[in-house]
Amino acid sequence: MGFIELALAFFCIYTYHQTRTNRSKLWHRYAVIYTYFAVVLLAITAINLETGISHWVCTLPVLVYLLFGKKHGFISSFSFLITLLLLFYVIDKRLVEINFKLIINLSLTYIIVWGVSHVFESMRASNQEEIINLALRDSLTQAYDRRAFKSHFHNHIDFSNPYCFALADLDFFKKVNDKYGYDAGDAVLVQLTQLFKKHLGDEHVYRFGGEEFTLVVNDDIEVAIITMDKLRTDIQNHQFTYMQSTLNITISIGLVGIDAHEHNHLSEILRLADNYLYLAKNNGRNCVVNGLTKISNKGKETLTK
């Protein structure tokens, strides 16, 4: 028994080292928790219950919630408890009768530890989500920010399918702030973000700063052009409100299409979208410009300067 526990201790140290060096695998955690559970059960069958060895099972909920989170922690903790009670019954029915009070106290202790672990993990997960939102979302509009966009671009976007990126900027937004005040400008940005999310979904809207947003359309350029133009039209027709005032707002959009399997660099995509946005600003504003757009000579001269 001592050699088994020693082997488990060495494996735990190995797993800890792998975790510290970012080389940990999922099977490491499964191996640790289920080997530990097997060792505890083996000790219960081999050693007299009156020694208190059975109370080691109360550490299982804490460990499984710590390693796997709330959902897997709940399922595993329930499974461990049922397995433990069945083990007592299978070993010897008389054992249950003799140590009935001990088993009842052990079960209640286990359930309390299980409950505390579940509540603690729920609070931890909620706090973690709140911290992530604070780190990756704009505090005013609750849209994702530039840092979130870079993270999503490198880690979550599947470029085996066509994607389009757009830079959207409010037209003459400075006049809104000058005439109505910065609180009015903030109110417009919040309402504008809600329109973006209505058309594209929360996960596709990013505020880059000021009145500039990055928008994502997970489709080809033809569909993205229709989507962006419908969005532009809805914003043009929307009545933005601040206190008793009604404001009319328009946006200019620079749109870039990304072909499937094409190697893409974020800086190049944003540079191209920014160029198209400047073309939109210099071709009358309130429009969508992309690589397929026919533009005036004035716009072409602006782009080359």
Protein backbone atom coordinates (compact mmCIF):
# COMPACT_ATOMS: atom_id res chain seq x y z
CA MET A 1 0.00 0.00 0.00
CA GLY A 2 2.83 2.36 0.84
CA PHE A 3 4.52 1.77 -2.53
CA ILE A 4 1.26 2.56 -4.37
CA GLU A 5 0.85 5.83 -2.47
CA LEU A 6 4.49 6.72 -3.15
CA ALA A 7 4.02 6.08 -6.89
CA LEU A 8 0.91 8.28 -6.88
CA ALA A 9 2.83 11.04 -5.09
CA PHE A 10 5.58 10.97 -7.73
CA PHE A 11 3.00 11.08 -10.53
CA CYS A 12 1.31 14.08 -8.89
CA ILE A 13 4.67 15.86 -8.75
CA TYR A 14 5.25 15.01 -12.42
CA THR A 15 1.82 16.35 -13.39
CA TYR A 16 2.42 19.54 -11.40
CA HIS A 17 5.72 20.06 -13.22
CA GLN A 18 4.03 19.51 -16.61
CA THR A 19 1.37 22.06 -15.69
CA ARG A 20 3.95 24.66 -14.63
CA THR A 21 5.73 24.27 -17.97
CA ASN A 22 2.46 24.38 -19.99
CA ARG A 23 2.87 20.78 -21.16
CA SER A 24 0.04 19.27 -19.17
CA LYS A 25 -2.45 17.02 -21.00
CA LEU A 26 -6.05 16.31 -20.10
CA TRP A 27 -5.26 12.66 -19.41
CA HIS A 28 -2.81 13.74 -16.69
CA ARG A 29 -5.69 15.15 -14.64
CA TYR A 30 -7.89 12.14 -15.25
CA ALA A 31 -5.05 9.82 -14.22
CA VAL A 32 -4.38 11.76 -11.01
CA ILE A 33 -7.97 11.94 -9.77
CA TYR A 34 -9.07 8.41 -10.66
CA THR A 35 -5.85 6.81 -9.42
CA TYR A 36 -6.26 8.73 -6.19
CA PHE A 37 -9.85 7.51 -5.91
CA ALA A 38 -8.73 3.91 -6.54
CA VAL A 39 -6.03 4.21 -3.85
CA VAL A 40 -8.57 5.53 -1.32
CA LEU A 41 -10.98 2.68 -2.09
CA LEU A 42 -8.18 0.14 -1.82
CA ALA A 43 -7.18 1.57 1.56
CA ILE A 44 -10.79 1.36 2.80
CA THR A 45 -11.02 -2.31 1.88
CA ALA A 46 -7.62 -3.16 3.39
CA ILE A 47 -7.68 -1.11 6.60
CA ASN A 48 -10.14 -1.04 9.47
CA LEU A 49 -12.70 1.77 9.13
CA GLU A 50 -12.25 2.74 12.77
CA THR A 51 -8.78 4.06 11.93
CA GLY A 52 -10.46 6.94 10.07
CA ILE A 53 -8.94 6.05 6.70
CA SER A 54 -12.38 6.33 5.06
CA HIS A 55 -12.53 10.08 5.68
CA TRP A 56 -9.97 10.60 2.92
CA VAL A 57 -12.86 10.25 0.45
CA CYS A 58 -14.06 13.70 1.58
CA THR A 59 -11.12 15.26 -0.27
CA LEU A 60 -12.37 13.89 -3.60
CA PRO A 61 -15.02 16.59 -4.34
CA VAL A 62 -12.49 19.34 -3.68
CA LEU A 63 -9.95 17.80 -6.06
CA VAL A 64 -12.36 16.95 -8.85
CA TYR A 65 -13.96 20.42 -8.84
CA LEU A 66 -10.50 21.98 -8.81
CA LEU A 67 -9.28 19.91 -11.75
CA PHE A 68 -12.38 19.70 -13.95
CA GLY A 69 -14.82 22.46 -13.04
CA LYS A 70 -18.47 22.48 -12.02
CA LYS A 71 -20.15 20.11 -14.50
CA HIS A 72 -17.63 17.27 -14.38
CA GLY A 73 -17.10 17.90 -10.67
CA PHE A 74 -20.78 17.36 -9.90
CA ILE A 75 -21.01 14.16 -11.97
CA SER A 76 -17.80 12.68 -10.57
CA SER A 77 -18.61 13.58 -6.95
CA PHE A 78 -22.01 11.88 -7.25
CA SER A 79 -20.44 8.81 -8.90
CA PHE A 80 -17.77 8.57 -6.21
CA LEU A 81 -20.37 8.68 -3.42
CA ILE A 82 -22.54 5.95 -4.99
CA THR A 83 -19.46 3.80 -5.63
CA LEU A 84 -18.34 4.22 -2.03
CA LEU A 85 -21.72 3.22 -0.57
CA LEU A 86 -21.95 0.21 -2.87
CA LEU A 87 -18.44 -0.79 -1.86
CA PHE A 88 -19.38 -0.81 1.82
CA TYR A 89 -22.40 -2.97 1.06
CA VAL A 90 -20.54 -5.40 -1.21
CA ILE A 91 -17.60 -5.89 1.17
CA ASP A 92 -19.75 -7.02 4.05
CA LYS A 93 -23.39 -6.30 4.89
CA ARG A 94 -22.53 -6.71 8.56
CA LEU A 95 -19.91 -3.97 8.17
CA VAL A 96 -22.68 -1.54 7.32
CA GLU A 97 -24.68 -2.58 10.37
CA ILE A 98 -21.73 -2.39 12.74
CA ASN A 99 -20.42 0.93 11.43
CA PHE A 100 -23.79 2.40 10.48
CA LYS A 101 -23.30 5.65 12.41
CA LEU A 102 -19.78 6.02 11.04
CA ILE A 103 -20.97 5.54 7.47
CA ILE A 104 -23.85 8.01 7.96
CA ASN A 105 -21.48 10.63 9.38
CA LEU A 106 -19.00 9.98 6.58
CA SER A 107 -21.72 10.37 3.94
CA LEU A 108 -23.02 13.60 5.46
CA THR A 109 -19.51 15.01 5.69
CA TYR A 110 -18.87 14.06 2.07
CA ILE A 111 -22.12 15.75 0.93
CA ILE A 112 -21.28 18.94 2.86
CA VAL A 113 -17.79 19.10 1.33
CA TRP A 114 -19.35 18.37 -2.06
CA GLY A 115 -21.88 21.19 -1.61
CA VAL A 116 -19.26 23.70 -0.49
CA SER A 117 -17.03 22.73 -3.42
CA HIS A 118 -19.91 23.19 -5.86
CA VAL A 119 -20.84 26.63 -4.49
CA PHE A 120 -17.22 27.76 -4.41
CA GLU A 121 -16.59 26.61 -7.99
CA SER A 122 -19.79 28.34 -9.19
CA MET A 123 -18.64 31.59 -7.58
CA ARG A 124 -15.13 31.19 -8.98
CA ALA A 125 -16.43 30.56 -12.52
CA SER A 126 -18.74 33.56 -12.28
CA ASN A 127 -15.93 35.82 -11.02
CA GLN A 128 -13.60 34.55 -13.73
CA GLU A 129 -16.17 35.33 -16.42
CA GLU A 130 -16.65 38.81 -14.97
CA ILE A 131 -12.89 39.42 -14.93
CA ILE A 132 -12.57 38.25 -18.54
CA ASN A 133 -15.40 40.57 -19.55
CA LEU A 134 -13.70 43.48 -17.80
CA ALA A 135 -10.43 42.66 -19.56
CA LEU A 136 -11.83 42.03 -23.05
CA ARG A 137 -14.89 44.31 -23.27
CA ASP A 138 -15.26 48.02 -23.68
CA SER A 139 -16.68 49.46 -20.46
CA LEU A 140 -19.05 51.88 -22.22
CA THR A 141 -20.62 49.83 -25.02
CA GLN A 142 -19.93 46.30 -23.69
CA ALA A 143 -18.62 45.39 -27.14
CA TYR A 144 -15.40 43.40 -27.33
CA ASP A 145 -12.26 45.57 -27.53
CA ARG A 146 -9.10 45.54 -29.66
CA ARG A 147 -7.35 43.03 -27.39
CA ALA A 148 -10.27 40.63 -27.71
CA PHE A 149 -10.25 41.02 -31.50
CA LYS A 150 -6.58 40.08 -31.72
CA SER A 151 -7.13 37.08 -29.46
CA HIS A 152 -10.17 35.87 -31.42
CA PHE A 153 -8.41 36.42 -34.74
CA HIS A 154 -5.44 34.25 -33.81
CA ASN A 155 -7.25 31.57 -31.77
CA HIS A 156 -10.88 31.20 -32.82
CA ILE A 157 -11.38 32.17 -36.47
CA ASP A 158 -11.42 29.24 -38.89
CA PHE A 159 -9.92 30.47 -42.14
CA SER A 160 -10.88 27.28 -43.95
CA ASN A 161 -14.11 29.22 -44.57
CA PRO A 162 -14.41 32.68 -46.13
CA TYR A 163 -14.44 35.63 -43.76
CA CYS A 164 -14.86 39.37 -44.13
CA PHE A 165 -13.65 42.17 -41.89
CA ALA A 166 -14.94 45.72 -41.84
CA LEU A 167 -13.83 48.94 -40.22
CA ALA A 168 -16.83 51.16 -39.48
CA ASP A 169 -16.55 54.80 -38.44
CA LEU A 170 -19.27 57.31 -37.57
CA ASP A 171 -19.56 60.28 -39.89
CA PHE A 172 -19.08 63.74 -38.34
CA PHE A 173 -19.18 62.29 -34.85
CA LYS A 174 -17.24 65.28 -33.52
CA LYS A 175 -20.20 67.50 -34.38
CA VAL A 176 -22.42 65.37 -32.14
CA ASN A 177 -20.06 65.86 -29.20
CA ASP A 178 -19.65 69.57 -29.91
CA LYS A 179 -23.39 70.24 -30.23
CA TYR A 180 -24.91 67.90 -27.64
CA GLY A 181 -21.99 67.08 -25.35
CA TYR A 182 -19.93 63.99 -24.68
CA ASP A 183 -22.75 62.25 -22.81
CA ALA A 184 -24.81 62.39 -26.00
CA GLY A 185 -21.88 60.92 -27.92
CA ASP A 186 -21.66 58.08 -25.41
CA ALA A 187 -25.40 57.42 -25.75
CA VAL A 188 -25.05 57.25 -29.54
CA LEU A 189 -22.16 54.77 -29.27
CA VAL A 190 -24.17 52.51 -26.95
CA GLN A 191 -27.21 52.53 -29.26
CA LEU A 192 -25.00 52.00 -32.30
CA THR A 193 -23.37 48.98 -30.69
CA GLN A 194 -26.80 47.48 -30.04
CA LEU A 195 -27.62 47.83 -33.76
CA PHE A 196 -24.31 46.18 -34.69
CA LYS A 197 -25.03 43.26 -32.38
CA LYS A 198 -28.59 42.94 -33.71
CA HIS A 199 -27.27 42.48 -37.26
CA LEU A 200 -24.05 40.55 -36.63
CA GLY A 201 -24.20 39.01 -33.15
CA ASP A 202 -22.29 39.94 -30.02
CA GLU A 203 -19.20 37.89 -30.91
CA HIS A 204 -18.67 39.79 -34.20
CA VAL A 205 -18.60 43.37 -32.89
CA TYR A 206 -15.41 45.04 -31.59
CA ARG A 207 -14.83 48.63 -30.54
CA PHE A 208 -11.33 49.71 -31.51
CA GLY A 209 -11.50 53.11 -29.88
CA GLY A 210 -13.43 56.35 -30.19
CA GLU A 211 -16.12 55.95 -32.84
CA GLU A 212 -14.31 53.21 -34.78
CA PHE A 213 -15.53 49.60 -34.75
CA THR A 214 -14.35 46.38 -36.35
CA LEU A 215 -17.08 44.07 -37.62
CA VAL A 216 -16.81 40.43 -38.70
CA VAL A 217 -18.97 38.60 -41.23
CA ASN A 218 -18.32 34.87 -41.51
CA ASP A 219 -19.31 34.67 -45.18
CA ASP A 220 -17.96 35.60 -48.61
CA ILE A 221 -17.58 39.15 -49.91
CA GLU A 222 -20.86 39.19 -51.86
CA VAL A 223 -22.92 38.31 -48.79
CA ALA A 224 -20.87 40.67 -46.61
CA ILE A 225 -21.53 43.59 -48.99
CA ILE A 226 -25.29 43.02 -48.71
CA THR A 227 -25.06 42.65 -44.92
CA MET A 228 -22.98 45.81 -44.47
CA ASP A 229 -25.16 47.87 -46.79
CA LYS A 230 -28.31 46.77 -44.94
CA LEU A 231 -26.60 47.68 -41.66
CA ARG A 232 -25.59 51.08 -43.06
CA THR A 233 -29.15 51.74 -44.27
CA ASP A 234 -30.70 50.77 -40.93
CA ILE A 235 -28.33 53.09 -39.08
CA GLN A 236 -29.12 55.92 -41.49
CA ASN A 237 -32.85 55.45 -40.87
CA HIS A 238 -32.55 54.86 -37.13
CA GLN A 239 -33.49 57.65 -34.75
CA PHE A 240 -30.80 57.93 -32.09
CA THR A 241 -32.04 59.58 -28.93
CA TYR A 242 -30.46 61.54 -26.11
CA MET A 243 -32.73 63.04 -23.48
CA GLN A 244 -35.31 65.01 -25.53
CA SER A 245 -33.17 65.19 -28.68
CA THR A 246 -33.30 62.96 -31.77
CA LEU A 247 -30.07 62.53 -33.72
CA ASN A 248 -29.49 61.26 -37.25
CA ILE A 249 -26.25 59.32 -37.65
CA THR A 250 -24.52 57.71 -40.64
CA ILE A 251 -21.45 55.49 -40.88
CA SER A 252 -18.75 54.79 -43.43
CA ILE A 253 -17.45 51.25 -43.83
CA GLY A 254 -14.29 49.76 -45.33
CA LEU A 255 -14.79 46.06 -46.10
CA VAL A 256 -12.16 43.39 -46.78
CA GLY A 257 -12.91 39.87 -47.99
CA ILE A 258 -10.65 36.98 -46.98
CA ASP A 259 -10.63 33.90 -49.19
CA ALA A 260 -10.65 30.42 -47.66
CA HIS A 261 -7.18 28.88 -47.15
CA GLU A 262 -5.50 32.21 -47.92
CA HIS A 263 -2.60 33.10 -45.61
CA ASN A 264 -3.53 36.31 -43.81
CA HIS A 265 -1.79 38.72 -41.49
CA LEU A 266 -3.89 40.82 -39.16
CA SER A 267 -1.90 44.00 -39.76
CA GLU A 268 -2.32 43.68 -43.53
CA ILE A 269 -6.07 43.07 -43.23
CA LEU A 270 -6.56 46.09 -40.99
CA ARG A 271 -4.38 48.28 -43.23
CA LEU A 272 -6.45 47.34 -46.27
CA ALA A 273 -9.74 47.87 -44.42
CA ASP A 274 -8.47 51.25 -43.20
CA ASN A 275 -7.63 52.25 -46.77
CA TYR A 276 -11.13 51.35 -47.92
CA LEU A 277 -12.58 53.30 -44.97
CA TYR A 278 -10.65 56.41 -46.04
CA LEU A 279 -11.98 55.94 -49.55
CA ALA A 280 -15.50 55.81 -48.14
CA LYS A 281 -14.88 59.02 -46.17
CA ASN A 282 -13.60 60.77 -49.29
CA ASN A 283 -16.40 59.57 -51.55
CA GLY A 284 -19.29 61.21 -49.79
CA ARG A 285 -19.41 59.14 -46.57
CA ASN A 286 -22.41 56.98 -45.62
CA CYS A 287 -21.26 54.17 -47.92
CA VAL A 288 -19.54 50.78 -48.00
CA VAL A 289 -16.26 50.53 -49.93
CA ASN A 290 -14.46 47.27 -50.76
CA GLY A 291 -12.24 45.85 -53.47
CA LEU A 292 -15.20 45.55 -55.86
CA THR A 293 -16.40 49.14 -55.38
CA LYS A 294 -16.12 51.62 -58.25
CA ILE A 295 -14.74 54.87 -56.86
CA SER A 296 -14.10 58.34 -58.20
CA ASN A 297 -10.69 59.65 -59.26
CA LYS A 298 -10.71 61.87 -56.17
CA GLY A 299 -10.89 58.80 -53.97
CA LYS A 300 -8.08 57.07 -55.86
CA GLU A 301 -5.84 60.10 -55.43
CA THR A 302 -6.58 60.14 -51.68
CA LEU A 303 -5.60 56.49 -51.36
CA THR A 304 -2.23 56.98 -53.09
CA LYS A 305 -1.20 60.02 -51.05
